[in-house]
PDB file of N, CA and C in Angstrom:
ATOM      1  N   MET A   1       0.847  -1.168   0.000  1.00  0.00           N
ATOM      2  CA  MET A   1       0.000   0.000   0.000  1.00  0.00           C
ATOM      3  C   MET A   1       0.902   1.245   0.000  1.00  0.00           C
ATOM      4  N   THR A   2       0.539   2.198  -0.838  1.00  0.00           N
ATOM      5  CA  THR A   2       1.339   3.414  -0.912  1.00  0.00           C
ATOM      6  C   THR A   2       0.975   4.354   0.244  1.00  0.00           C
ATOM      7  N   ALA A   3       1.870   5.302   0.510  1.00  0.00           N
ATOM      8  CA  ALA A   3       1.617   6.278   1.572  1.00  0.00           C
ATOM      9  C   ALA A   3       0.412   7.146   1.221  1.00  0.00           C
ATOM     10  N   ARG A   4       0.261   7.454  -0.059  1.00  0.00           N
ATOM     11  CA  ARG A   4      -0.888   8.263  -0.482  1.00  0.00           C
ATOM     12  C   ARG A   4      -2.200   7.539  -0.227  1.00  0.00           C
ATOM     13  N   ARG A   5      -2.228   6.263  -0.556  1.00  0.00           N
ATOM     14  CA  ARG A   5      -3.445   5.463  -0.347  1.00  0.00           C
ATOM     15  C   ARG A   5      -3.792   5.396   1.137  1.00  0.00           C
ATOM     16  N   LEU A   6      -2.781   5.208   1.991  1.00  0.00           N
ATOM     17  CA  LEU A   6      -3.004   5.167   3.436  1.00  0.00           C
ATOM     18  C   LEU A   6      -3.548   6.495   3.942  1.00  0.00           C
ATOM     19  N   ARG A   7      -2.982   7.611   3.446  1.00  0.00           N
ATOM     20  CA  ARG A   7      -3.455   8.931   3.859  1.00  0.00           C
ATOM     21  C   ARG A   7      -4.919   9.131   3.464  1.00  0.00           C
ATOM     22  N   VAL A   8      -5.279   8.729   2.248  1.00  0.00           N
ATOM     23  CA  VAL A   8      -6.655   8.863   1.774  1.00  0.00           C
ATOM     24  C   VAL A   8      -7.600   8.031   2.630  1.00  0.00           C
ATOM     25  N   LEU A   9      -7.206   6.818   2.954  1.00  0.00           N
ATOM     26  CA  LEU A   9      -8.044   5.956   3.793  1.00  0.00           C
ATOM     27  C   LEU A   9      -8.256   6.563   5.176  1.00  0.00           C
ATOM     28  N   ILE A  10      -7.201   7.109   5.763  1.00  0.00           N
ATOM     29  CA  ILE A  10      -7.310   7.708   7.102  1.00  0.00           C
ATOM     30  C   ILE A  10      -8.180   8.958   7.050  1.00  0.00           C
ATOM     31  N   GLN A  11      -8.025   9.774   6.006  1.00  0.00           N
ATOM     32  CA  GLN A  11      -8.817  10.998   5.898  1.00  0.00           C
ATOM     33  C   GLN A  11     -10.303  10.706   5.725  1.00  0.00           C
ATOM     34  N   ARG A  12     -10.638   9.582   5.149  1.00  0.00           N
ATOM     35  CA  ARG A  12     -12.045   9.237   4.893  1.00  0.00           C
ATOM     36  C   ARG A  12     -12.696   8.474   6.045  1.00  0.00           C
ATOM     37  N   LEU A  13     -11.961   8.251   7.121  1.00  0.00           N
ATOM     38  CA  LEU A  13     -12.561   7.568   8.271  1.00  0.00           C
ATOM     39  C   LEU A  13     -13.595   8.469   8.931  1.00  0.00           C
ATOM     40  N   PRO A  14     -14.650   7.887   9.504  1.00  0.00           N
ATOM     41  CA  PRO A  14     -15.624   8.718  10.218  1.00  0.00           C
ATOM     42  C   PRO A  14     -14.991   9.343  11.460  1.00  0.00           C
ATOM     43  N   PRO A  15     -15.459  10.529  11.875  1.00  0.00           N
ATOM     44  CA  PRO A  15     -14.852  11.216  13.014  1.00  0.00           C
ATOM     45  C   PRO A  15     -14.892  10.413  14.311  1.00  0.00           C
ATOM     46  N   GLU A  16     -15.868   9.517  14.448  1.00  0.00           N
ATOM     47  CA  GLU A  16     -15.987   8.759  15.694  1.00  0.00           C
ATOM     48  C   GLU A  16     -15.180   7.464  15.682  1.00  0.00           C
ATOM     49  N   SER A  17     -14.412   7.202  14.606  1.00  0.00           N
ATOM     50  CA  SER A  17     -13.635   5.976  14.535  1.00  0.00           C
ATOM     51  C   SER A  17     -12.502   5.984  15.563  1.00  0.00           C
ATOM     52  N   ALA A  18     -12.017   4.804  15.896  1.00  0.00           N
ATOM     53  CA  ALA A  18     -10.942   4.683  16.892  1.00  0.00           C
ATOM     54  C   ALA A  18      -9.674   5.383  16.427  1.00  0.00           C
ATOM     55  N   THR A  19      -9.377   5.305  15.136  1.00  0.00           N
ATOM     56  CA  THR A  19      -8.168   5.954  14.617  1.00  0.00           C
ATOM     57  C   THR A  19      -8.265   7.468  14.739  1.00  0.00           C
ATOM     58  N   MET A  20      -9.386   8.056  14.320  1.00  0.00           N
ATOM     59  CA  MET A  20      -9.539   9.507  14.411  1.00  0.00           C
ATOM     60  C   MET A  20      -9.562   9.965  15.874  1.00  0.00           C
ATOM     61  N   THR A  21     -10.162   9.179  16.754  1.00  0.00           N
ATOM     62  CA  THR A  21     -10.158   9.512  18.177  1.00  0.00           C
ATOM     63  C   THR A  21      -8.739   9.490  18.722  1.00  0.00           C
ATOM     64  N   ALA A  22      -7.951   8.495  18.328  1.00  0.00           N
ATOM     65  CA  ALA A  22      -6.565   8.420  18.789  1.00  0.00           C
ATOM     66  C   ALA A  22      -5.744   9.600  18.266  1.00  0.00           C
ATOM     67  N   LEU A  23      -5.986   9.997  17.021  1.00  0.00           N
ATOM     68  CA  LEU A  23      -5.277  11.157  16.465  1.00  0.00           C
ATOM     69  C   LEU A  23      -5.644  12.440  17.223  1.00  0.00           C
ATOM     70  N   ARG A  24      -6.930  12.602  17.543  1.00  0.00           N
ATOM     71  CA  ARG A  24      -7.354  13.779  18.321  1.00  0.00           C
ATOM     72  C   ARG A  24      -6.761  13.756  19.712  1.00  0.00           C
ATOM     73  N   ASN A  25      -6.736  12.592  20.346  1.00  0.00           N
ATOM     74  CA  ASN A  25      -6.205  12.482  21.709  1.00  0.00           C
ATOM     75  C   ASN A  25      -4.703  12.742  21.754  1.00  0.00           C
ATOM     76  N   ALA A  26      -4.004  12.525  20.650  1.00  0.00           N
ATOM     77  CA  ALA A  26      -2.558  12.758  20.609  1.00  0.00           C
ATOM     78  C   ALA A  26      -2.206  14.221  20.374  1.00  0.00           C
ATOM     79  N   MET A  27      -3.202  15.053  20.066  1.00  0.00           N
ATOM     80  CA  MET A  27      -2.932  16.470  19.787  1.00  0.00           C
ATOM     81  C   MET A  27      -2.698  17.228  21.088  1.00  0.00           C
ATOM     82  N   THR A  28      -1.843  18.256  21.009  1.00  0.00           N
ATOM     83  CA  THR A  28      -1.601  19.110  22.174  1.00  0.00           C
ATOM     84  C   THR A  28      -2.757  20.099  22.311  1.00  0.00           C
ATOM     85  N   ALA A  29      -2.800  20.782  23.449  1.00  0.00           N
ATOM     86  CA  ALA A  29      -3.868  21.763  23.691  1.00  0.00           C
ATOM     87  C   ALA A  29      -3.814  22.891  22.661  1.00  0.00           C
ATOM     88  N   GLU A  30      -2.605  23.301  22.270  1.00  0.00           N
ATOM     89  CA  GLU A  30      -2.461  24.368  21.282  1.00  0.00           C
ATOM     90  C   GLU A  30      -2.991  23.920  19.918  1.00  0.00           C
ATOM     91  N   GLU A  31      -2.670  22.677  19.538  1.00  0.00           N
ATOM     92  CA  GLU A  31      -3.149  22.164  18.258  1.00  0.00           C
ATOM     93  C   GLU A  31      -4.674  22.055  18.255  1.00  0.00           C
ATOM     94  N   LEU A  32      -5.247  21.618  19.373  1.00  0.00           N
ATOM     95  CA  LEU A  32      -6.709  21.522  19.463  1.00  0.00           C
ATOM     96  C   LEU A  32      -7.351  22.894  19.353  1.00  0.00           C
ATOM     97  N   ALA A  33      -6.768  23.906  20.031  1.00  0.00           N
ATOM     98  CA  ALA A  33      -7.306  25.264  19.967  1.00  0.00           C
ATOM     99  C   ALA A  33      -7.229  25.810  18.543  1.00  0.00           C
ATOM    100  N   GLU A  34      -6.122  25.524  17.855  1.00  0.00           N
ATOM    101  CA  GLU A  34      -5.975  25.981  16.471  1.00  0.00           C
ATOM    102  C   GLU A  34      -7.005  25.322  15.566  1.00  0.00           C
ATOM    103  N   GLN A  35      -7.215  24.024  15.750  1.00  0.00           N
ATOM    104  CA  GLN A  35      -8.195  23.310  14.938  1.00  0.00           C
ATOM    105  C   GLN A  35      -9.617  23.802  15.222  1.00  0.00           C
ATOM    106  N   ALA A  36      -9.912  24.101  16.480  1.00  0.00           N
ATOM    107  CA  ALA A  36     -11.247  24.577  16.840  1.00  0.00           C
ATOM    108  C   ALA A  36     -11.522  25.932  16.200  1.00  0.00           C
ATOM    109  N   GLY A  37     -10.493  26.763  16.117  1.00  0.00           N
ATOM    110  CA  GLY A  37     -10.660  28.076  15.509  1.00  0.00           C
ATOM    111  C   GLY A  37     -10.878  28.013  14.011  1.00  0.00           C
ATOM    112  N   LYS A  38     -10.366  26.976  13.369  1.00  0.00           N
ATOM    113  CA  LYS A  38     -10.485  26.838  11.918  1.00  0.00           C
ATOM    114  C   LYS A  38     -11.651  25.933  11.533  1.00  0.00           C
ATOM    115  N   GLY A  39     -12.526  25.603  12.460  1.00  0.00           N
ATOM    116  CA  GLY A  39     -13.609  24.675  12.170  1.00  0.00           C
ATOM    117  C   GLY A  39     -14.535  25.187  11.076  1.00  0.00           C
ATOM    118  N   GLU A  40     -14.781  24.360  10.088  1.00  0.00           N
ATOM    119  CA  GLU A  40     -15.682  24.683   8.994  1.00  0.00           C
ATOM    120  C   GLU A  40     -16.583  23.482   8.753  1.00  0.00           C
ATOM    121  N   PRO A  41     -17.663  23.337   9.530  1.00  0.00           N
ATOM    122  CA  PRO A  41     -18.497  22.147   9.386  1.00  0.00           C
ATOM    123  C   PRO A  41     -19.129  22.002   8.014  1.00  0.00           C
ATOM    124  N   GLU A  42     -19.281  23.123   7.276  1.00  0.00           N
ATOM    125  CA  GLU A  42     -19.890  23.010   5.958  1.00  0.00           C
ATOM    126  C   GLU A  42     -18.994  22.289   4.960  1.00  0.00           C
ATOM    127  N   LYS A  43     -17.718  22.061   5.304  1.00  0.00           N
ATOM    128  CA  LYS A  43     -16.806  21.334   4.428  1.00  0.00           C
ATOM    129  C   LYS A  43     -16.641  19.879   4.857  1.00  0.00           C
ATOM    130  N   GLY A  44     -17.306  19.467   5.912  1.00  0.00           N
ATOM    131  CA  GLY A  44     -17.173  18.109   6.427  1.00  0.00           C
ATOM    132  C   GLY A  44     -18.162  17.149   5.792  1.00  0.00           C
ATOM    133  N   ARG A  45     -18.109  15.908   6.237  1.00  0.00           N
ATOM    134  CA  ARG A  45     -19.034  14.888   5.750  1.00  0.00           C
ATOM    135  C   ARG A  45     -20.006  14.563   6.877  1.00  0.00           C
ATOM    136  N   TRP A  46     -21.286  14.669   6.610  1.00  0.00           N
ATOM    137  CA  TRP A  46     -22.294  14.346   7.606  1.00  0.00           C
ATOM    138  C   TRP A  46     -23.158  13.212   7.096  1.00  0.00           C
ATOM    139  N   SER A  47     -23.535  12.336   8.022  1.00  0.00           N
ATOM    140  CA  SER A  47     -24.455  11.264   7.669  1.00  0.00           C
ATOM    141  C   SER A  47     -25.879  11.823   7.715  1.00  0.00           C
ATOM    142  N   GLN A  48     -26.833  11.007   7.287  1.00  0.00           N
ATOM    143  CA  GLN A  48     -28.229  11.433   7.332  1.00  0.00           C
ATOM    144  C   GLN A  48     -28.676  11.670   8.772  1.00  0.00           C
ATOM    145  N   ALA A  49     -28.176  10.854   9.708  1.00  0.00           N
ATOM    146  CA  ALA A  49     -28.537  11.032  11.117  1.00  0.00           C
ATOM    147  C   ALA A  49     -28.046  12.382  11.638  1.00  0.00           C
ATOM    148  N   GLU A  50     -26.843  12.783  11.231  1.00  0.00           N
ATOM    149  CA  GLU A  50     -26.317  14.083  11.668  1.00  0.00           C
ATOM    150  C   GLU A  50     -27.106  15.233  11.043  1.00  0.00           C
ATOM    151  N   GLN A  51     -27.523  15.065   9.802  1.00  0.00           N
ATOM    152  CA  GLN A  51     -28.355  16.088   9.163  1.00  0.00           C
ATOM    153  C   GLN A  51     -29.688  16.226   9.898  1.00  0.00           C
ATOM    154  N   LEU A  52     -30.301  15.100  10.241  1.00  0.00           N
ATOM    155  CA  LEU A  52     -31.574  15.141  10.956  1.00  0.00           C
ATOM    156  C   LEU A  52     -31.410  15.725  12.352  1.00  0.00           C
ATOM    157  N   LEU A  53     -30.314  15.418  13.020  1.00  0.00           N
ATOM    158  CA  LEU A  53     -30.059  15.981  14.341  1.00  0.00           C
ATOM    159  C   LEU A  53     -29.901  17.497  14.257  1.00  0.00           C
ATOM    160  N   ALA A  54     -29.216  17.983  13.230  1.00  0.00           N
ATOM    161  CA  ALA A  54     -29.073  19.434  13.050  1.00  0.00           C
ATOM    162  C   ALA A  54     -30.437  20.076  12.814  1.00  0.00           C
ATOM    163  N   LEU A  55     -31.300  19.403  12.070  1.00  0.00           N
ATOM    164  CA  LEU A  55     -32.649  19.905  11.839  1.00  0.00           C
ATOM    165  C   LEU A  55     -33.422  19.997  13.150  1.00  0.00           C
ATOM    166  N   VAL A  56     -33.309  18.976  13.981  1.00  0.00           N
ATOM    167  CA  VAL A  56     -33.987  18.983  15.290  1.00  0.00           C
ATOM    168  C   VAL A  56     -33.467  20.122  16.162  1.00  0.00           C
ATOM    169  N   VAL A  57     -32.150  20.326  16.164  1.00  0.00           N
ATOM    170  CA  VAL A  57     -31.557  21.416  16.949  1.00  0.00           C
ATOM    171  C   VAL A  57     -32.105  22.756  16.473  1.00  0.00           C
ATOM    172  N   ASP A  58     -32.194  22.939  15.147  1.00  0.00           N
ATOM    173  CA  ASP A  58     -32.726  24.191  14.608  1.00  0.00           C
ATOM    174  C   ASP A  58     -34.186  24.400  15.003  1.00  0.00           C
ATOM    175  N   ARG A  59     -34.977  23.333  14.939  1.00  0.00           N
ATOM    176  CA  ARG A  59     -36.401  23.461  15.287  1.00  0.00           C
ATOM    177  C   ARG A  59     -36.588  23.762  16.769  1.00  0.00           C
ATOM    178  N   VAL A  60     -35.814  23.122  17.632  1.00  0.00           N
ATOM    179  CA  VAL A  60     -35.913  23.386  19.072  1.00  0.00           C
ATOM    180  C   VAL A  60     -35.500  24.827  19.372  1.00  0.00           C
ATOM    181  N   ALA A  61     -34.446  25.292  18.723  1.00  0.00           N
ATOM    182  CA  ALA A  61     -34.012  26.674  18.922  1.00  0.00           C
ATOM    183  C   ALA A  61     -35.087  27.648  18.462  1.00  0.00           C
ATOM    184  N   ARG A  62     -35.756  27.329  17.351  1.00  0.00           N
ATOM    185  CA  ARG A  62     -36.835  28.202  16.866  1.00  0.00           C
ATOM    186  C   ARG A  62     -38.024  28.198  17.829  1.00  0.00           C
ATOM    187  N   LEU A  63     -38.365  27.023  18.365  1.00  0.00           N
ATOM    188  CA  LEU A  63     -39.454  26.968  19.346  1.00  0.00           C
ATOM    189  C   LEU A  63     -39.110  27.755  20.610  1.00  0.00           C
ATOM    190  N   GLU A  64     -37.856  27.656  21.043  1.00  0.00           N
ATOM    191  CA  GLU A  64     -37.421  28.430  22.203  1.00  0.00           C
ATOM    192  C   GLU A  64     -37.520  29.922  21.915  1.00  0.00           C
ATOM    193  N   HIS A  65     -37.145  30.331  20.722  1.00  0.00           N
ATOM    194  CA  HIS A  65     -37.224  31.742  20.349  1.00  0.00           C
ATOM    195  C   HIS A  65     -38.675  32.224  20.344  1.00  0.00           C
ATOM    196  N   ILE A  66     -39.563  31.417  19.784  1.00  0.00           N
ATOM    197  CA  ILE A  66     -40.986  31.787  19.743  1.00  0.00           C
ATOM    198  C   ILE A  66     -41.552  31.883  21.161  1.00  0.00           C
ATOM    199  N   THR A  67     -41.143  30.963  22.030  1.00  0.00           N
ATOM    200  CA  THR A  67     -41.603  31.007  23.423  1.00  0.00           C
ATOM    201  C   THR A  67     -41.115  32.273  24.113  1.00  0.00           C
ATOM    202  N   LEU A  68     -39.867  32.627  23.873  1.00  0.00           N
ATOM    203  CA  LEU A  68     -39.343  33.864  24.461  1.00  0.00           C
ATOM    204  C   LEU A  68     -40.071  35.086  23.924  1.00  0.00           C
ATOM    205  N   LEU A  69     -40.362  35.092  22.621  1.00  0.00           N
ATOM    206  CA  LEU A  69     -41.104  36.216  22.048  1.00  0.00           C
ATOM    207  C   LEU A  69     -42.495  36.337  22.665  1.00  0.00           C
ATOM    208  N   ALA A  70     -43.161  35.199  22.849  1.00  0.00           N
ATOM    209  CA  ALA A  70     -44.515  35.218  23.402  1.00  0.00           C
ATOM    210  C   ALA A  70     -44.534  35.677  24.854  1.00  0.00           C
ATOM    211  N   ASN A  71     -43.454  35.434  25.574  1.00  0.00           N
ATOM    212  CA  ASN A  71     -43.416  35.770  26.997  1.00  0.00           C
ATOM    213  C   ASN A  71     -42.612  37.026  27.303  1.00  0.00           C
ATOM    214  N   THR A  72     -42.203  37.752  26.283  1.00  0.00           N
ATOM    215  CA  THR A  72     -41.481  38.998  26.501  1.00  0.00           C
ATOM    216  C   THR A  72     -42.501  40.117  26.606  1.00  0.00           C
ATOM    217  N   GLY A  73     -42.349  40.920  27.618  1.00  0.00           N
ATOM    218  CA  GLY A  73     -43.294  42.008  27.836  1.00  0.00           C
ATOM    219  C   GLY A  73     -43.162  43.091  26.789  1.00  0.00           C
ATOM    220  N   LYS A  74     -44.228  43.880  26.644  1.00  0.00           N
ATOM    221  CA  LYS A  74     -44.197  45.004  25.712  1.00  0.00           C
ATOM    222  C   LYS A  74     -43.167  46.003  26.204  1.00  0.00           C
ATOM    223  N   GLY A  75     -42.420  46.552  25.310  1.00  0.00           N
ATOM    224  CA  GLY A  75     -41.384  47.504  25.680  1.00  0.00           C
ATOM    225  C   GLY A  75     -40.055  46.860  26.000  1.00  0.00           C
ATOM    226  N   SER A  76     -40.040  45.565  26.181  1.00  0.00           N
ATOM    227  CA  SER A  76     -38.774  44.863  26.414  1.00  0.00           C
ATOM    228  C   SER A  76     -38.086  44.606  25.085  1.00  0.00           C
ATOM    229  N   LYS A  77     -36.784  44.458  25.149  1.00  0.00           N
ATOM    230  CA  LYS A  77     -36.031  44.168  23.936  1.00  0.00           C
ATOM    231  C   LYS A  77     -36.324  42.741  23.496  1.00  0.00           C
ATOM    232  N   LYS A  78     -36.654  42.590  22.224  1.00  0.00           N
ATOM    233  CA  LYS A  78     -36.965  41.268  21.676  1.00  0.00           C
ATOM    234  C   LYS A  78     -35.676  40.478  21.467  1.00  0.00           C
ATOM    235  N   PRO A  79     -35.687  39.172  21.767  1.00  0.00           N
ATOM    236  CA  PRO A  79     -34.484  38.356  21.539  1.00  0.00           C
ATOM    237  C   PRO A  79     -34.226  38.183  20.044  1.00  0.00           C
ATOM    238  N   THR A  80     -32.965  38.030  19.702  1.00  0.00           N
ATOM    239  CA  THR A  80     -32.614  37.829  18.291  1.00  0.00           C
ATOM    240  C   THR A  80     -32.924  36.388  17.888  1.00  0.00           C
ATOM    241  N   PRO A  81     -33.327  36.180  16.648  1.00  0.00           N
ATOM    242  CA  PRO A  81     -33.623  34.808  16.204  1.00  0.00           C
ATOM    243  C   PRO A  81     -32.360  33.959  16.189  1.00  0.00           C
ATOM    244  N   PRO A  82     -32.505  32.660  16.416  1.00  0.00           N
ATOM    245  CA  PRO A  82     -31.319  31.788  16.463  1.00  0.00           C
ATOM    246  C   PRO A  82     -30.731  31.563  15.082  1.00  0.00           C
ATOM    247  N   GLU A  83     -29.418  31.355  15.063  1.00  0.00           N
ATOM    248  CA  GLU A  83     -28.716  31.018  13.822  1.00  0.00           C
ATOM    249  C   GLU A  83     -28.850  29.513  13.593  1.00  0.00           C
ATOM    250  N   PRO A  84     -29.114  29.074  12.360  1.00  0.00           N
ATOM    251  CA  PRO A  84     -29.179  27.638  12.100  1.00  0.00           C
ATOM    252  C   PRO A  84     -27.798  26.993  12.208  1.00  0.00           C
ATOM    253  N   VAL A  85     -27.774  25.712  12.508  1.00  0.00           N
ATOM    254  CA  VAL A  85     -26.529  24.950  12.573  1.00  0.00           C
ATOM    255  C   VAL A  85     -25.933  24.908  11.167  1.00  0.00           C
ATOM    256  N   ARG A  86     -24.638  25.194  11.075  1.00  0.00           N
ATOM    257  CA  ARG A  86     -23.988  25.156   9.766  1.00  0.00           C
ATOM    258  C   ARG A  86     -23.890  23.716   9.289  1.00  0.00           C
ATOM    259  N   ARG A  87     -24.234  23.512   8.020  1.00  0.00           N
ATOM    260  CA  ARG A  87     -24.264  22.164   7.452  1.00  0.00           C
ATOM    261  C   ARG A  87     -23.261  22.047   6.308  1.00  0.00           C
ATOM    262  N   PRO A  88     -22.829  20.800   6.027  1.00  0.00           N
ATOM    263  CA  PRO A  88     -21.910  20.595   4.904  1.00  0.00           C
ATOM    264  C   PRO A  88     -22.552  21.012   3.590  1.00  0.00           C
ATOM    265  N   GLY A  89     -21.759  21.658   2.762  1.00  0.00           N
ATOM    266  CA  GLY A  89     -22.238  22.063   1.445  1.00  0.00           C
ATOM    267  C   GLY A  89     -23.018  23.356   1.434  1.00  0.00           C
ATOM    268  N   ALA A  90     -23.255  23.948   2.597  1.00  0.00           N
ATOM    269  CA  ALA A  90     -24.009  25.200   2.675  1.00  0.00           C
ATOM    270  C   ALA A  90     -23.090  26.313   3.156  1.00  0.00           C
ATOM    271  N   GLN A  91     -23.173  27.439   2.504  1.00  0.00           N
ATOM    272  CA  GLN A  91     -22.363  28.579   2.907  1.00  0.00           C
ATOM    273  C   GLN A  91     -22.978  29.217   4.150  1.00  0.00           C
ATOM    274  N   PRO A  92     -22.163  29.841   4.997  1.00  0.00           N
ATOM    275  CA  PRO A  92     -22.725  30.552   6.140  1.00  0.00           C
ATOM    276  C   PRO A  92     -23.646  31.665   5.653  1.00  0.00           C
ATOM    277  N   PRO A  93     -24.687  31.974   6.416  1.00  0.00           N
ATOM    278  CA  PRO A  93     -25.618  33.015   5.965  1.00  0.00           C
ATOM    279  C   PRO A  93     -24.927  34.369   5.892  1.00  0.00           C
ATOM    280  N   LYS A  94     -25.270  35.128   4.855  1.00  0.00           N
ATOM    281  CA  LYS A  94     -24.700  36.460   4.702  1.00  0.00           C
ATOM    282  C   LYS A  94     -25.482  37.429   5.582  1.00  0.00           C
ATOM    283  N   PRO A  95     -24.784  38.355   6.225  1.00  0.00           N
ATOM    284  CA  PRO A  95     -25.505  39.317   7.060  1.00  0.00           C
ATOM    285  C   PRO A  95     -26.360  40.237   6.198  1.00  0.00           C
ATOM    286  N   LYS A  96     -27.531  40.581   6.704  1.00  0.00           N
ATOM    287  CA  LYS A  96     -28.426  41.472   5.978  1.00  0.00           C
ATOM    288  C   LYS A  96     -27.867  42.889   6.038  1.00  0.00           C
ATOM    289  N   PRO A  97     -27.936  43.611   4.929  1.00  0.00           N
ATOM    290  CA  PRO A  97     -27.419  44.975   4.950  1.00  0.00           C
ATOM    291  C   PRO A  97     -28.309  45.873   5.817  1.00  0.00           C
ATOM    292  N   LYS A  98     -27.683  46.786   6.524  1.00  0.00           N
ATOM    293  CA  LYS A  98     -28.416  47.725   7.376  1.00  0.00           C
ATOM    294  C   LYS A  98     -28.914  48.882   6.524  1.00  0.00           C
ATOM    295  N   LEU A  99     -30.079  49.411   6.869  1.00  0.00           N
ATOM    296  CA  LEU A  99     -30.657  50.534   6.163  1.00  0.00           C
ATOM    297  C   LEU A  99     -30.013  51.819   6.672  1.00  0.00           C
ATOM    298  N   THR A 100     -29.359  52.544   5.775  1.00  0.00           N
ATOM    299  CA  THR A 100     -28.703  53.795   6.154  1.00  0.00           C
ATOM    300  C   THR A 100     -29.677  54.957   5.985  1.00  0.00           C
ATOM    301  N   GLY A 101     -29.263  56.124   6.407  1.00  0.00           N
ATOM    302  CA  GLY A 101     -30.109  57.308   6.277  1.00  0.00           C
ATOM    303  C   GLY A 101     -30.405  57.644   4.829  1.00  0.00           C
ATOM    304  N   THR A 102     -29.398  57.596   3.966  1.00  0.00           N
ATOM    305  CA  THR A 102     -29.625  57.902   2.555  1.00  0.00           C
ATOM    306  C   THR A 102     -30.486  56.819   1.902  1.00  0.00           C
ATOM    307  N   GLY A 103     -30.280  55.583   2.303  1.00  0.00           N
ATOM    308  CA  GLY A 103     -31.116  54.503   1.782  1.00  0.00           C
ATOM    309  C   GLY A 103     -32.563  54.668   2.208  1.00  0.00           C
ATOM    310  N   ALA A 104     -32.786  55.084   3.445  1.00  0.00           N
ATOM    311  CA  ALA A 104     -34.149  55.313   3.934  1.00  0.00           C
ATOM    312  C   ALA A 104     -34.793  56.470   3.182  1.00  0.00           C
ATOM    313  N   ASP A 105     -34.028  57.537   2.915  1.00  0.00           N
ATOM    314  CA  ASP A 105     -34.563  58.668   2.160  1.00  0.00           C
ATOM    315  C   ASP A 105     -34.941  58.251   0.747  1.00  0.00           C
ATOM    316  N   TRP A 106     -34.050  57.466   0.097  1.00  0.00           N
ATOM    317  CA  TRP A 106     -34.332  56.995  -1.254  1.00  0.00           C
ATOM    318  C   TRP A 106     -35.584  56.121  -1.266  1.00  0.00           C
ATOM    319  N   LEU A 107     -35.701  55.212  -0.284  1.00  0.00           N
ATOM    320  CA  LEU A 107     -36.868  54.327  -0.196  1.00  0.00           C
ATOM    321  C   LEU A 107     -38.139  55.127   0.022  1.00  0.00           C
ATOM    322  N   PHE A 108     -38.097  56.118   0.900  1.00  0.00           N
ATOM    323  CA  PHE A 108     -39.254  56.972   1.158  1.00  0.00           C
ATOM    324  C   PHE A 108     -39.659  57.710  -0.118  1.00  0.00           C
ATOM    325  N   HIS A 109     -38.657  58.206  -0.852  1.00  0.00           N
ATOM    326  CA  HIS A 109     -38.921  58.911  -2.105  1.00  0.00           C
ATOM    327  C   HIS A 109     -39.575  57.977  -3.122  1.00  0.00           C
ATOM    328  N   MET A 110     -39.079  56.726  -3.222  1.00  0.00           N
ATOM    329  CA  MET A 110     -39.640  55.776  -4.189  1.00  0.00           C
ATOM    330  C   MET A 110     -41.057  55.349  -3.819  1.00  0.00           C
ATOM    331  N   ILE A 111     -41.317  55.194  -2.536  1.00  0.00           N
ATOM    332  CA  ILE A 111     -42.653  54.780  -2.092  1.00  0.00           C
ATOM    333  C   ILE A 111     -43.674  55.876  -2.370  1.00  0.00           C
ATOM    334  N   ASN A 112     -43.255  57.116  -2.250  1.00  0.00           N
ATOM    335  CA  ASN A 112     -44.177  58.244  -2.412  1.00  0.00           C
ATOM    336  C   ASN A 112     -44.219  58.774  -3.849  1.00  0.00           C
ATOM    337  N   GLY A 113     -44.006  57.911  -4.831  1.00  0.00           N
ATOM    338  CA  GLY A 113     -44.178  58.287  -6.215  1.00  0.00           C
ATOM    339  C   GLY A 113     -42.947  58.842  -6.879  1.00  0.00           C
ATOM    340  N   GLY A 114     -41.789  58.613  -6.356  1.00  0.00           N
ATOM    341  CA  GLY A 114     -40.567  59.137  -6.948  1.00  0.00           C
ATOM    342  C   GLY A 114     -40.181  58.466  -8.239  1.00  0.00           C
ATOM    343  N   ALA A 115     -40.690  57.274  -8.502  1.00  0.00           N
ATOM    344  CA  ALA A 115     -40.327  56.545  -9.715  1.00  0.00           C
ATOM    345  C   ALA A 115     -41.130  56.999 -10.921  1.00  0.00           C
ATOM    346  N   ALA A 116     -42.228  57.668 -10.678  1.00  0.00           N
ATOM    347  CA  ALA A 116     -43.116  58.063 -11.794  1.00  0.00           C
ATOM    348  C   ALA A 116     -42.636  59.268 -12.520  1.00  0.00           C
TER     349      ALA A 116
END
């Protein structure tokens, strides 16, 4: 077996395999911190069970958010909606652009017949 073939086989092992666990356990604290900072779950491989678990986590977070909204008093600051769990093959959500003063003026002008 070539070294390349061995590397490919090891890279394709599931994260919970004994080999991958042993490799993680052999890492120093600094290496673990570096890896945690570079985590990109959207580039990983997930099974159907992991996809379904992420869906459940998202739904529970949404239900919790709705419960908080329903029980927040008037005049209180509303909680921000939860971010979905990042999934393989999906890009992180792009932040929505904020409405600036000039943008608000332009929008007001367009709504009040400025396009005609």
